[in-house]
Amino acid sequence: MASMEPQSISEWFDGRNVFITGGTGYMGKVLIYKLLVSCHNIGKIYVLIRKKKDQDPQTRLVHMMQQEPFKGIKEKYPERLKKIILIPGDTTVEDLALSTADKERMLQDVSVIFHMAANVKFDLTLKVAVQINTVGTKNVLDLAKQMSKLDVFIHVSTTYCQCMERVLEERNYPASVGPEIVIDMVNNLKDDVLLAMTPKLLEGQPNTYAFTKALSEDLVQRCGLRVGIVRPSIVLPSVKEPMTGWVDNINGPTGLMIAAGKGVLRTMLMNEKMWLRVIPCDMAINATIALAWKIGIEKPVEPIYMNVTTGPENAISWGSVLDIGRKLTMKYPFTGILWYPGGSPTTSKFYHWIRLILFQLIPAYFLDAVIVLSGNKPFLVRVQQKLSAGLEIVQYYTTKQWDFRNDRVRQLQYELNTSDRDKFLMDPISFKWEQYLVDYILGARQHYLKDDPSTLPRARKVIKYLYYADWFVKIVMTLLFSWFVYSWISPARELTTTTFEINEI
């Protein structure tokens, strides 16, 4: 007799109401999309949205619904969008700044929480990072503990939460200092004192983002709920859903790729031999949803940790990605290219800074001067300053190697029933890098840069012209340098000859 297959993920979510923080972010959008598309009988999806700048939560939600990936759902399944319920609030405020009515509804209705809200900037002050990432997590946990029907709490962390560990296992790592102590410090100490104490508090962590995510994990570990902690590595554009290569931001490698493809980035500190530890966004979300299903069925007493990342079984080096990327950016060039793409990474800080000055900063100042003379507003120096500041932060991750164990995500794929293995694809060996990188560049081109595919023929002509222009400039610069050297050597040689003749006399 054949063994019965486990209950499907969709069936488990039938009628369950879900609460999502961070739903307006890149991963949050894909999570909401996937729940609506693949768990069509799900109950309500409560989405916490805060006021941002001059936009109120309702305006932000309406704007989000008009964009991809929800535009596609509106065309195919318009009734499903009614499941999305706006909850105005803010994770940094006690009780999430909920209205009395919203809080009561949440406490009675919600059975699954996906806590994804975080600020992923690496250069935040300790006070701001703790308030958003750690206090935010504490406030969501405090609310979750009051929910009578809560079955699952999923916390989205990062594989880079313990950067001092060269091997990150799928387990708890106690915080070096208690989260409550750090929260008390940022609430009571002056900013200048906190700034002075930050390096000591980080204790090997590269930035406040990694530190506060580690603190958040410690809070979740001790919360007493049925918990899953998902640790995605660097998140890349989607393999399949909501569409191939979908991305709506320039975080991480995407920003570097675009800067290099437009000819702005020409040098970078990087060890090309190091392996990338990345994961496509839709695979990370599929694993996140599947972990909620697993916890809901098994009801574990202890939290389950899961690193969601590629590993040795589907590894690719930074160098290989760069080699493929160079070819693809020639085949599928971006519009608005400032110069022919070129340059290369290096492990030498001295060589990197020399090239940064010669090939990025000096040309930026020169071209900005030309732009000013033409009556337009300069921008290239400002772009280079932002790029340089970003590279200072990123190079920590491009010059080091980590081993993130990913046994659980691979095993979880096989715990699903046959249908769900395809519907919730998450196995890191299931995609091929060559085709994925093609989809990556085309996706960034179309979805983030808004370069229509019809612009490709003209972009290819432009990059061809820039290729010849680049060679012309190189030849001219070489001749000028040779002339300079010759001009410097000739007088010295004549002087030496004259001195020798005088001495002979």
Protein backbone atom coordinates (compact mmCIF):
# COMPACT_ATOMS: atom_id res chain seq x y z
CA MET A 1 0.00 0.00 0.00
CA ALA A 2 1.45 3.36 -1.04
CA SER A 3 2.16 5.76 1.79
CA MET A 4 -0.06 8.82 1.96
CA GLU A 5 1.48 12.07 0.82
CA PRO A 6 1.63 14.89 3.37
CA GLN A 7 -0.98 17.63 3.41
CA SER A 8 -0.24 20.27 0.78
CA ILE A 9 0.95 23.73 1.74
CA SER A 10 -2.11 25.25 0.09
CA GLU A 11 -4.46 23.02 2.11
CA TRP A 12 -2.70 23.88 5.36
CA PHE A 13 -3.13 27.61 4.67
CA ASP A 14 -6.84 27.23 3.82
CA GLY A 15 -8.80 29.74 5.89
CA ARG A 16 -5.79 30.83 7.93
CA ASN A 17 -5.26 34.54 8.45
CA VAL A 18 -1.70 35.80 8.01
CA PHE A 19 0.04 38.91 9.34
CA ILE A 20 3.04 40.29 7.44
CA THR A 21 5.49 43.00 8.42
CA GLY A 22 7.83 44.32 5.74
CA GLY A 23 5.26 43.58 3.06
CA THR A 24 6.22 46.61 0.96
CA GLY A 25 9.83 45.42 0.61
CA TYR A 26 11.22 43.30 -2.20
CA MET A 27 10.85 39.95 -0.45
CA GLY A 28 7.61 41.04 1.18
CA LYS A 29 5.98 41.67 -2.20
CA VAL A 30 7.02 38.26 -3.48
CA LEU A 31 5.70 36.63 -0.29
CA ILE A 32 2.27 38.25 -0.65
CA TYR A 33 2.21 37.40 -4.36
CA LYS A 34 3.08 33.76 -3.74
CA LEU A 35 0.49 33.32 -0.99
CA LEU A 36 -2.23 34.80 -3.20
CA VAL A 37 -1.28 32.74 -6.27
CA SER A 38 -0.45 29.36 -4.73
CA CYS A 39 -2.59 29.37 -1.57
CA HIS A 40 -5.77 30.72 -3.15
CA ASN A 41 -8.04 29.67 -0.25
CA ILE A 42 -5.94 31.49 2.32
CA GLY A 43 -7.88 33.74 4.70
CA LYS A 44 -6.99 37.40 5.13
CA ILE A 45 -3.49 38.76 4.60
CA TYR A 46 -2.97 41.59 7.06
CA VAL A 47 -0.13 43.85 5.87
CA LEU A 48 1.43 46.34 8.28
CA ILE A 49 2.37 49.56 6.49
CA ARG A 50 3.76 52.70 8.11
CA LYS A 51 3.60 56.28 6.94
CA LYS A 52 6.66 57.10 4.86
CA LYS A 53 7.74 60.66 4.13
CA ASP A 54 4.64 62.33 2.66
CA GLN A 55 2.74 59.11 1.84
CA ASP A 56 0.16 57.65 4.20
CA PRO A 57 -0.24 53.85 4.47
CA GLN A 58 -3.33 53.74 2.24
CA THR A 59 -1.58 55.63 -0.55
CA ARG A 60 1.43 53.33 -0.31
CA LEU A 61 -0.76 50.23 -0.55
CA VAL A 62 -2.71 51.57 -3.54
CA HIS A 63 0.54 52.43 -5.30
CA MET A 64 1.95 48.96 -4.57
CA MET A 65 -1.17 47.26 -5.95
CA GLN A 66 -0.78 49.19 -9.22
CA GLN A 67 2.74 47.87 -9.77
CA GLU A 68 4.17 44.45 -10.53
CA PRO A 69 3.80 41.77 -9.35
CA PHE A 70 0.27 42.67 -8.24
CA LYS A 71 -0.72 44.13 -11.58
CA GLY A 72 -0.59 40.59 -12.98
CA ILE A 73 -2.80 39.25 -10.17
CA LYS A 74 -5.30 42.05 -10.77
CA GLU A 75 -5.64 40.93 -14.39
CA LYS A 76 -5.97 37.20 -13.63
CA TYR A 77 -7.43 36.95 -10.12
CA PRO A 78 -8.81 40.38 -9.14
CA GLU A 79 -10.94 38.91 -6.34
CA ARG A 80 -7.85 37.62 -4.52
CA LEU A 81 -6.50 41.11 -3.95
CA LYS A 82 -9.49 41.67 -1.63
CA LYS A 83 -7.77 39.33 0.82
CA ILE A 84 -5.12 41.99 1.45
CA ILE A 85 -6.11 44.05 4.49
CA LEU A 86 -4.18 47.22 5.31
CA ILE A 87 -3.05 47.60 8.90
CA PRO A 88 -1.57 51.09 9.47
CA GLY A 89 1.19 50.87 12.04
CA ASP A 90 4.90 50.95 12.85
CA THR A 91 7.02 48.13 14.29
CA THR A 92 9.24 50.59 16.16
CA VAL A 93 6.32 51.69 18.35
CA GLU A 94 4.85 49.69 21.23
CA ASP A 95 1.79 47.68 20.12
CA LEU A 96 2.94 48.59 16.59
CA ALA A 97 0.95 51.84 16.90
CA LEU A 98 -2.22 49.87 16.06
CA SER A 99 -5.67 51.30 16.51
CA THR A 100 -7.78 49.61 19.20
CA ALA A 101 -9.99 47.98 16.56
CA ASP A 102 -7.05 46.70 14.50
CA LYS A 103 -5.33 45.29 17.56
CA GLU A 104 -8.43 43.40 18.67
CA ARG A 105 -8.96 41.99 15.21
CA MET A 106 -5.35 40.86 14.97
CA LEU A 107 -5.39 39.20 18.39
CA GLN A 108 -8.47 37.18 17.48
CA ASP A 109 -7.79 36.37 13.80
CA VAL A 110 -4.10 35.82 13.09
CA SER A 111 -2.63 32.30 13.08
CA VAL A 112 0.61 32.88 11.09
CA ILE A 113 3.09 35.75 11.32
CA PHE A 114 5.84 36.49 8.81
CA HIS A 115 8.09 39.12 10.37
CA MET A 116 10.19 40.54 7.54
CA ALA A 117 10.41 44.23 8.45
CA ALA A 118 14.01 45.43 8.74
CA ASN A 119 16.35 48.10 7.48
CA VAL A 120 19.11 46.42 5.44
CA LYS A 121 21.41 49.45 5.25
CA PHE A 122 24.87 48.66 6.60
CA ASP A 123 25.80 52.21 7.61
CA LEU A 124 23.02 53.00 10.10
CA THR A 125 23.97 54.29 13.52
CA LEU A 126 23.59 51.78 16.32
CA LYS A 127 20.62 53.67 17.75
CA VAL A 128 18.65 53.64 14.49
CA ALA A 129 19.54 50.03 13.64
CA VAL A 130 18.54 48.77 17.10
CA GLN A 131 15.29 50.72 17.03
CA ILE A 132 14.23 49.34 13.64
CA ASN A 133 15.64 45.81 13.64
CA THR A 134 15.75 44.77 17.30
CA VAL A 135 13.09 46.86 19.04
CA GLY A 136 10.88 46.26 16.01
CA THR A 137 11.23 42.49 16.47
CA LYS A 138 10.56 42.77 20.22
CA ASN A 139 7.36 44.73 19.60
CA VAL A 140 6.07 42.20 17.07
CA LEU A 141 6.88 39.34 19.47
CA ASP A 142 5.06 41.10 22.34
CA LEU A 143 1.95 41.35 20.19
CA ALA A 144 2.29 37.77 18.93
CA LYS A 145 2.31 36.40 22.48
CA GLN A 146 -1.20 37.80 22.97
CA MET A 147 -2.67 36.12 19.88
CA SER A 148 -4.98 33.28 20.89
CA LYS A 149 -4.90 31.46 17.54
CA LEU A 150 -1.23 31.87 16.64
CA ASP A 151 0.30 28.65 15.27
CA VAL A 152 3.49 29.85 13.64
CA PHE A 153 5.90 32.77 13.95
CA ILE A 154 8.42 33.09 11.10
CA HIS A 155 11.30 35.50 11.57
CA VAL A 156 13.36 36.42 8.49
CA SER A 157 16.98 37.01 9.45
CA THR A 158 20.18 36.73 7.37
CA THR A 159 23.06 34.30 6.95
CA TYR A 160 25.33 37.26 7.73
CA CYS A 161 24.08 37.57 11.31
CA GLN A 162 27.25 35.91 12.66
CA CYS A 163 30.01 37.17 10.38
CA MET A 164 32.76 36.17 12.80
CA GLU A 165 31.74 32.52 12.24
CA ARG A 166 33.36 31.16 9.08
CA VAL A 167 30.95 28.19 9.26
CA LEU A 168 27.33 29.09 10.02
CA GLU A 169 25.37 26.10 11.23
CA GLU A 170 21.59 25.90 11.38
CA ARG A 171 21.32 26.52 15.09
CA ASN A 172 21.08 29.23 17.70
CA TYR A 173 24.05 31.48 18.40
CA PRO A 174 23.61 33.29 21.73
CA ALA A 175 24.10 37.05 21.48
CA SER A 176 27.39 38.40 22.82
CA VAL A 177 25.41 40.94 24.85
CA GLY A 178 21.77 40.73 25.84
CA PRO A 179 19.33 42.47 23.47
CA GLU A 180 17.51 44.02 26.42
CA ILE A 181 20.77 45.57 27.64
CA VAL A 182 21.50 47.07 24.23
CA ILE A 183 17.95 48.39 23.92
CA ASP A 184 18.27 50.02 27.33
CA MET A 185 21.58 51.58 26.30
CA VAL A 186 20.25 53.15 23.10
CA ASN A 187 17.25 54.50 25.00
CA ASN A 188 19.28 56.13 27.76
CA LEU A 189 22.77 57.00 26.53
CA LYS A 190 23.67 60.08 24.53
CA ASP A 191 24.40 59.70 20.84
CA ASP A 192 28.10 60.58 21.13
CA VAL A 193 28.57 58.00 23.91
CA LEU A 194 26.83 55.34 21.82
CA LEU A 195 28.98 56.21 18.84
CA ALA A 196 32.13 55.77 20.91
CA MET A 197 30.91 52.43 22.30
CA THR A 198 29.74 50.97 18.98
CA PRO A 199 33.05 49.33 17.87
CA LYS A 200 33.37 47.53 21.20
CA LEU A 201 29.74 46.38 21.15
CA LEU A 202 29.99 44.99 17.63
CA GLU A 203 32.82 42.62 18.68
CA GLY A 204 33.84 41.46 15.22
CA GLN A 205 30.59 42.18 13.42
CA PRO A 206 31.21 44.36 10.35
CA ASN A 207 28.25 46.71 10.80
CA THR A 208 25.19 47.53 12.88
CA TYR A 209 22.92 45.58 10.51
CA ALA A 210 24.60 42.23 11.23
CA PHE A 211 24.79 43.03 14.95
CA THR A 212 21.12 43.96 15.34
CA LYS A 213 19.96 40.93 13.33
CA ALA A 214 21.91 38.72 15.76
CA LEU A 215 20.21 40.47 18.67
CA SER A 216 16.83 39.92 17.04
CA GLU A 217 17.49 36.20 16.63
CA ASP A 218 18.28 36.00 20.34
CA LEU A 219 14.91 37.56 21.18
CA VAL A 220 13.05 35.16 18.88
CA GLN A 221 14.94 32.15 20.28
CA ARG A 222 13.64 32.90 23.79
CA CYS A 223 10.09 33.99 22.93
CA GLY A 224 8.35 30.68 23.76
CA LEU A 225 6.32 30.58 20.52
CA ARG A 226 6.42 28.00 17.72
CA VAL A 227 9.15 29.65 15.73
CA GLY A 228 11.03 29.30 12.46
CA ILE A 229 14.07 31.48 11.74
CA VAL A 230 14.87 31.82 8.05
CA ARG A 231 18.34 33.04 7.11
CA PRO A 232 18.55 33.99 3.43
CA SER A 233 21.97 34.86 2.05
CA ILE A 234 22.34 37.61 -0.58
CA VAL A 235 18.95 37.74 -2.33
CA LEU A 236 18.99 37.93 -6.13
CA PRO A 237 16.22 38.33 -8.75
CA SER A 238 13.65 35.57 -9.16
CA VAL A 239 14.18 32.36 -11.11
CA LYS A 240 10.52 31.91 -12.00
CA GLU A 241 8.02 33.95 -9.98
CA PRO A 242 6.46 36.42 -10.26
CA MET A 243 8.41 36.39 -13.55
CA THR A 244 11.93 35.44 -14.56
CA GLY A 245 14.52 37.95 -13.42
CA TRP A 246 12.08 40.12 -11.48
CA VAL A 247 13.77 42.71 -9.25
CA ASP A 248 12.71 46.15 -8.01
CA ASN A 249 15.85 47.40 -6.27
CA ILE A 250 19.61 47.78 -6.74
CA ASN A 251 20.72 46.26 -3.46
CA GLY A 252 23.81 44.06 -3.43
CA PRO A 253 25.19 42.61 -6.68
CA THR A 254 22.43 44.15 -8.81
CA GLY A 255 23.66 47.68 -8.15
CA LEU A 256 27.24 46.66 -8.87
CA MET A 257 26.21 44.98 -12.12
CA ILE A 258 24.29 48.03 -13.33
CA ALA A 259 27.11 50.42 -12.36
CA ALA A 260 29.64 48.25 -14.21
CA GLY A 261 27.35 47.80 -17.21
CA LYS A 262 26.91 51.57 -17.55
CA GLY A 263 30.68 52.12 -17.42
CA VAL A 264 30.63 53.90 -14.04
CA LEU A 265 32.28 51.14 -11.96
CA ARG A 266 35.74 50.13 -13.20
CA THR A 267 37.51 48.77 -10.14
CA MET A 268 36.56 46.90 -7.00
CA LEU A 269 38.18 45.09 -4.11
CA MET A 270 37.21 41.46 -4.61
CA ASN A 271 38.68 37.99 -4.38
CA GLU A 272 37.54 36.36 -7.62
CA LYS A 273 38.22 32.88 -6.27
CA MET A 274 35.63 33.21 -3.50
CA TRP A 275 32.29 31.44 -3.93
CA LEU A 276 29.08 33.40 -4.05
CA ARG A 277 26.55 32.59 -1.36
CA VAL A 278 23.28 33.83 -2.85
CA ILE A 279 19.67 32.76 -3.35
CA PRO A 280 17.02 33.85 -5.88
CA CYS A 281 14.17 35.74 -4.20
CA ASP A 282 11.35 33.37 -5.14
CA MET A 283 13.28 30.36 -3.85
CA ALA A 284 13.88 32.13 -0.54
CA ILE A 285 10.17 32.93 -0.27
CA ASN A 286 9.13 29.38 -1.18
CA ALA A 287 11.39 28.06 1.58
CA THR A 288 9.95 30.61 4.03
CA ILE A 289 6.36 29.56 3.31
CA ALA A 290 7.29 25.86 3.43
CA LEU A 291 8.96 26.31 6.82
CA ALA A 292 5.74 27.87 8.17
CA TRP A 293 3.87 24.78 6.88
CA LYS A 294 6.40 22.44 8.53
CA ILE A 295 6.17 24.18 11.90
CA GLY A 296 2.38 24.30 11.69
CA ILE A 297 2.21 20.53 11.15
CA GLU A 298 5.01 19.37 13.47
CA LYS A 299 4.50 21.95 16.25
CA PRO A 300 8.15 21.86 17.42
CA VAL A 301 9.02 22.97 20.94
CA GLU A 302 12.36 24.47 19.93
CA PRO A 303 12.88 27.02 17.12
CA ILE A 304 13.94 25.67 13.73
CA TYR A 305 16.77 27.50 12.00
CA MET A 306 17.16 27.30 8.23
CA ASN A 307 19.94 28.83 6.11
CA VAL A 308 18.56 29.51 2.64
CA THR A 309 21.46 29.76 0.22
CA THR A 310 23.36 28.07 -2.56
CA GLY A 311 26.16 25.78 -1.46
CA PRO A 312 29.00 23.68 -2.89
CA GLU A 313 26.54 21.56 -4.88
CA ASN A 314 25.73 24.54 -7.15
CA ALA A 315 28.66 26.85 -6.53
CA ILE A 316 29.96 29.65 -8.71
CA SER A 317 32.83 32.03 -8.02
CA TRP A 318 32.79 35.81 -8.20
CA GLY A 319 35.28 35.54 -11.06
CA SER A 320 33.04 33.25 -13.10
CA VAL A 321 30.05 35.53 -12.60
CA LEU A 322 32.12 38.51 -13.73
CA ASP A 323 33.34 36.69 -16.85
CA ILE A 324 29.81 35.70 -17.83
CA GLY A 325 28.47 39.12 -16.87
CA ARG A 326 30.95 40.93 -19.14
CA LYS A 327 29.80 38.91 -22.14
CA LEU A 328 26.13 39.36 -21.33
CA THR A 329 26.33 43.13 -20.79
CA MET A 330 27.82 43.34 -24.30
CA LYS A 331 25.02 41.19 -25.72
CA TYR A 332 22.24 42.87 -23.71
CA PRO A 333 23.59 46.39 -22.99
CA PHE A 334 21.75 48.91 -20.85
CA THR A 335 20.53 52.22 -22.20
CA GLY A 336 22.12 55.44 -20.96
CA ILE A 337 25.65 53.99 -20.90
CA LEU A 338 28.19 56.65 -19.90
CA TRP A 339 31.24 54.81 -21.22
CA TYR A 340 32.27 51.42 -22.55
CA PRO A 341 32.19 48.88 -19.69
CA GLY A 342 35.62 47.83 -18.54
CA GLY A 343 37.91 47.39 -15.57
CA SER A 344 38.39 44.43 -13.28
CA PRO A 345 38.48 43.51 -9.60
CA THR A 346 41.64 43.24 -7.53
CA THR A 347 42.72 42.09 -4.08
CA SER A 348 45.27 44.91 -3.76
CA LYS A 349 43.97 47.95 -1.89
CA PHE A 350 46.76 50.13 -3.32
CA TYR A 351 46.07 49.08 -6.92
CA HIS A 352 42.32 49.52 -6.33
CA TRP A 353 42.70 53.11 -5.10
CA ILE A 354 45.07 54.04 -7.93
CA ARG A 355 42.55 52.80 -10.49
CA LEU A 356 39.69 54.43 -8.59
CA ILE A 357 41.39 57.82 -8.88
CA LEU A 358 42.57 57.43 -12.48
CA PHE A 359 39.59 55.70 -14.07
CA GLN A 360 36.60 56.82 -12.00
CA LEU A 361 37.20 60.04 -10.05
CA ILE A 362 39.32 62.02 -12.53
CA PRO A 363 37.02 61.20 -15.51
CA ALA A 364 34.00 62.11 -13.35
CA TYR A 365 35.43 65.56 -12.54
CA PHE A 366 36.40 66.10 -16.18
CA LEU A 367 32.99 65.12 -17.56
CA ASP A 368 31.16 67.14 -14.89
CA ALA A 369 33.17 70.18 -15.99
CA VAL A 370 32.07 69.57 -19.60
CA ILE A 371 28.47 69.17 -18.41
CA VAL A 372 28.63 72.50 -16.52
CA LEU A 373 30.09 74.27 -19.59
CA SER A 374 27.18 72.91 -21.63
CA GLY A 375 24.75 74.56 -19.22
CA ASN A 376 23.55 71.39 -17.46
CA LYS A 377 23.70 70.21 -13.86
CA PRO A 378 26.70 68.00 -13.01
CA PHE A 379 26.06 64.60 -11.45
CA LEU A 380 28.95 62.20 -12.09
CA VAL A 381 31.12 63.23 -9.11
CA ARG A 382 28.11 62.79 -6.83
CA VAL A 383 27.45 59.34 -8.34
CA GLN A 384 31.10 58.36 -7.82
CA GLN A 385 31.05 59.53 -4.20
CA LYS A 386 27.98 57.42 -3.46
CA LEU A 387 29.48 54.47 -5.33
CA SER A 388 32.75 54.74 -3.43
CA ALA A 389 30.93 54.87 -0.09
CA GLY A 390 28.93 51.79 -1.06
CA LEU A 391 32.03 49.89 -2.15
CA GLU A 392 33.69 50.61 1.19
CA ILE A 393 30.89 48.67 2.86
CA VAL A 394 30.45 45.89 0.30
CA GLN A 395 34.12 44.95 -0.01
CA TYR A 396 33.97 43.24 3.40
CA TYR A 397 31.69 40.65 1.82
CA THR A 398 33.53 40.35 -1.51
CA THR A 399 36.92 39.56 0.04
CA LYS A 400 35.88 36.88 2.54
CA GLN A 401 34.53 33.35 2.36
CA TRP A 402 31.84 31.75 4.52
CA ASP A 403 30.38 28.27 4.62
CA PHE A 404 26.65 28.49 5.22
CA ARG A 405 25.25 25.03 5.90
CA ASN A 406 22.00 24.54 3.97
CA ASP A 407 20.95 20.97 4.77
CA ARG A 408 17.48 21.92 6.00
CA VAL A 409 16.29 23.74 2.90
CA ARG A 410 17.36 20.83 0.69
CA GLN A 411 15.68 18.32 3.01
CA LEU A 412 12.52 20.40 3.29
CA GLN A 413 12.02 20.19 -0.49
CA TYR A 414 11.61 16.42 -0.17
CA GLU A 415 9.22 16.65 2.77
CA LEU A 416 6.64 18.31 0.52
CA ASN A 417 4.16 16.35 -1.56
CA THR A 418 4.91 15.81 -5.25
CA SER A 419 2.86 18.78 -6.44
CA ASP A 420 4.35 21.21 -3.93
CA ARG A 421 7.95 20.31 -4.86
CA ASP A 422 7.39 21.99 -8.19
CA LYS A 423 5.03 24.71 -6.97
CA PHE A 424 7.32 25.74 -4.10
CA LEU A 425 10.69 25.19 -5.73
CA MET A 426 13.51 25.91 -3.28
CA ASP A 427 16.32 23.43 -3.96
CA PRO A 428 19.52 25.46 -4.61
CA ILE A 429 20.73 22.96 -7.21
CA SER A 430 17.61 23.30 -9.36
CA PHE A 431 18.74 26.22 -11.56
CA LYS A 432 21.57 26.63 -14.07
CA TRP A 433 23.80 29.66 -13.65
CA GLU A 434 24.31 30.44 -17.35
CA GLN A 435 20.59 30.81 -18.10
CA TYR A 436 19.89 32.43 -14.75
CA LEU A 437 22.44 35.19 -15.38
CA VAL A 438 20.85 35.92 -18.77
CA ASP A 439 17.48 36.26 -17.04
CA TYR A 440 19.14 38.33 -14.29
CA ILE A 441 20.51 40.97 -16.66
CA LEU A 442 17.38 41.09 -18.81
CA GLY A 443 15.26 41.30 -15.66
CA ALA A 444 17.26 44.16 -14.15
CA ARG A 445 17.15 45.88 -17.51
CA GLN A 446 13.39 45.59 -17.89
CA HIS A 447 11.96 45.61 -14.36
CA TYR A 448 14.26 48.02 -12.53
CA LEU A 449 15.78 50.23 -15.25
CA LYS A 450 12.54 50.13 -17.30
CA ASP A 451 14.53 49.55 -20.50
CA ASP A 452 12.02 48.14 -22.96
CA PRO A 453 13.31 45.16 -25.01
CA SER A 454 12.76 47.26 -28.14
CA THR A 455 15.71 49.48 -27.04
CA LEU A 456 18.23 46.65 -27.41
CA PRO A 457 19.18 47.23 -31.09
CA ARG A 458 20.01 50.91 -30.47
CA ALA A 459 21.84 50.08 -27.22
CA ARG A 460 24.01 47.59 -29.12
CA LYS A 461 24.91 50.27 -31.66
CA VAL A 462 25.81 52.70 -28.87
CA ILE A 463 28.04 50.21 -27.11
CA LYS A 464 29.76 49.44 -30.41
CA TYR A 465 30.56 53.14 -30.91
CA LEU A 466 31.78 53.38 -27.32
CA TYR A 467 34.05 50.40 -27.92
CA TYR A 468 35.89 52.30 -30.68
CA ALA A 469 35.83 55.52 -28.65
CA ASP A 470 37.34 53.66 -25.70
CA TRP A 471 40.17 52.34 -27.87
CA PHE A 472 40.74 55.79 -29.40
CA VAL A 473 41.09 57.37 -25.94
CA LYS A 474 43.43 54.58 -24.82
CA ILE A 475 45.66 55.09 -27.87
CA VAL A 476 45.70 58.87 -27.42
CA MET A 477 46.48 58.54 -23.71
CA THR A 478 49.27 56.06 -24.48
CA LEU A 479 50.80 58.41 -27.07
CA LEU A 480 50.54 61.38 -24.71
CA PHE A 481 52.15 59.38 -21.91
CA SER A 482 54.91 58.20 -24.26
CA TRP A 483 55.49 61.79 -25.43
CA PHE A 484 55.62 62.96 -21.80
CA VAL A 485 58.17 60.30 -20.89
CA TYR A 486 60.23 61.05 -24.00
CA SER A 487 60.09 64.81 -23.30
CA TRP A 488 61.25 64.17 -19.74
CA ILE A 489 64.07 61.80 -20.75
CA SER A 490 65.46 63.80 -23.73
CA PRO A 491 66.57 66.93 -21.78
CA ALA A 492 68.07 64.70 -19.11
CA ARG A 493 70.02 62.78 -21.76
CA GLU A 494 71.24 66.00 -23.43
CA LEU A 495 72.30 67.36 -20.04
CA THR A 496 74.22 64.18 -19.31
CA THR A 497 75.95 64.32 -22.72
CA THR A 498 76.88 67.99 -22.27
CA THR A 499 78.25 67.33 -18.77
CA PHE A 500 80.32 64.43 -20.11
CA GLU A 501 81.75 66.62 -22.93
CA ILE A 502 82.69 69.39 -20.45
CA ASN A 503 84.42 66.89 -18.22
CA GLU A 504 86.35 65.57 -21.24
CA ILE A 505 87.60 69.09 -22.02
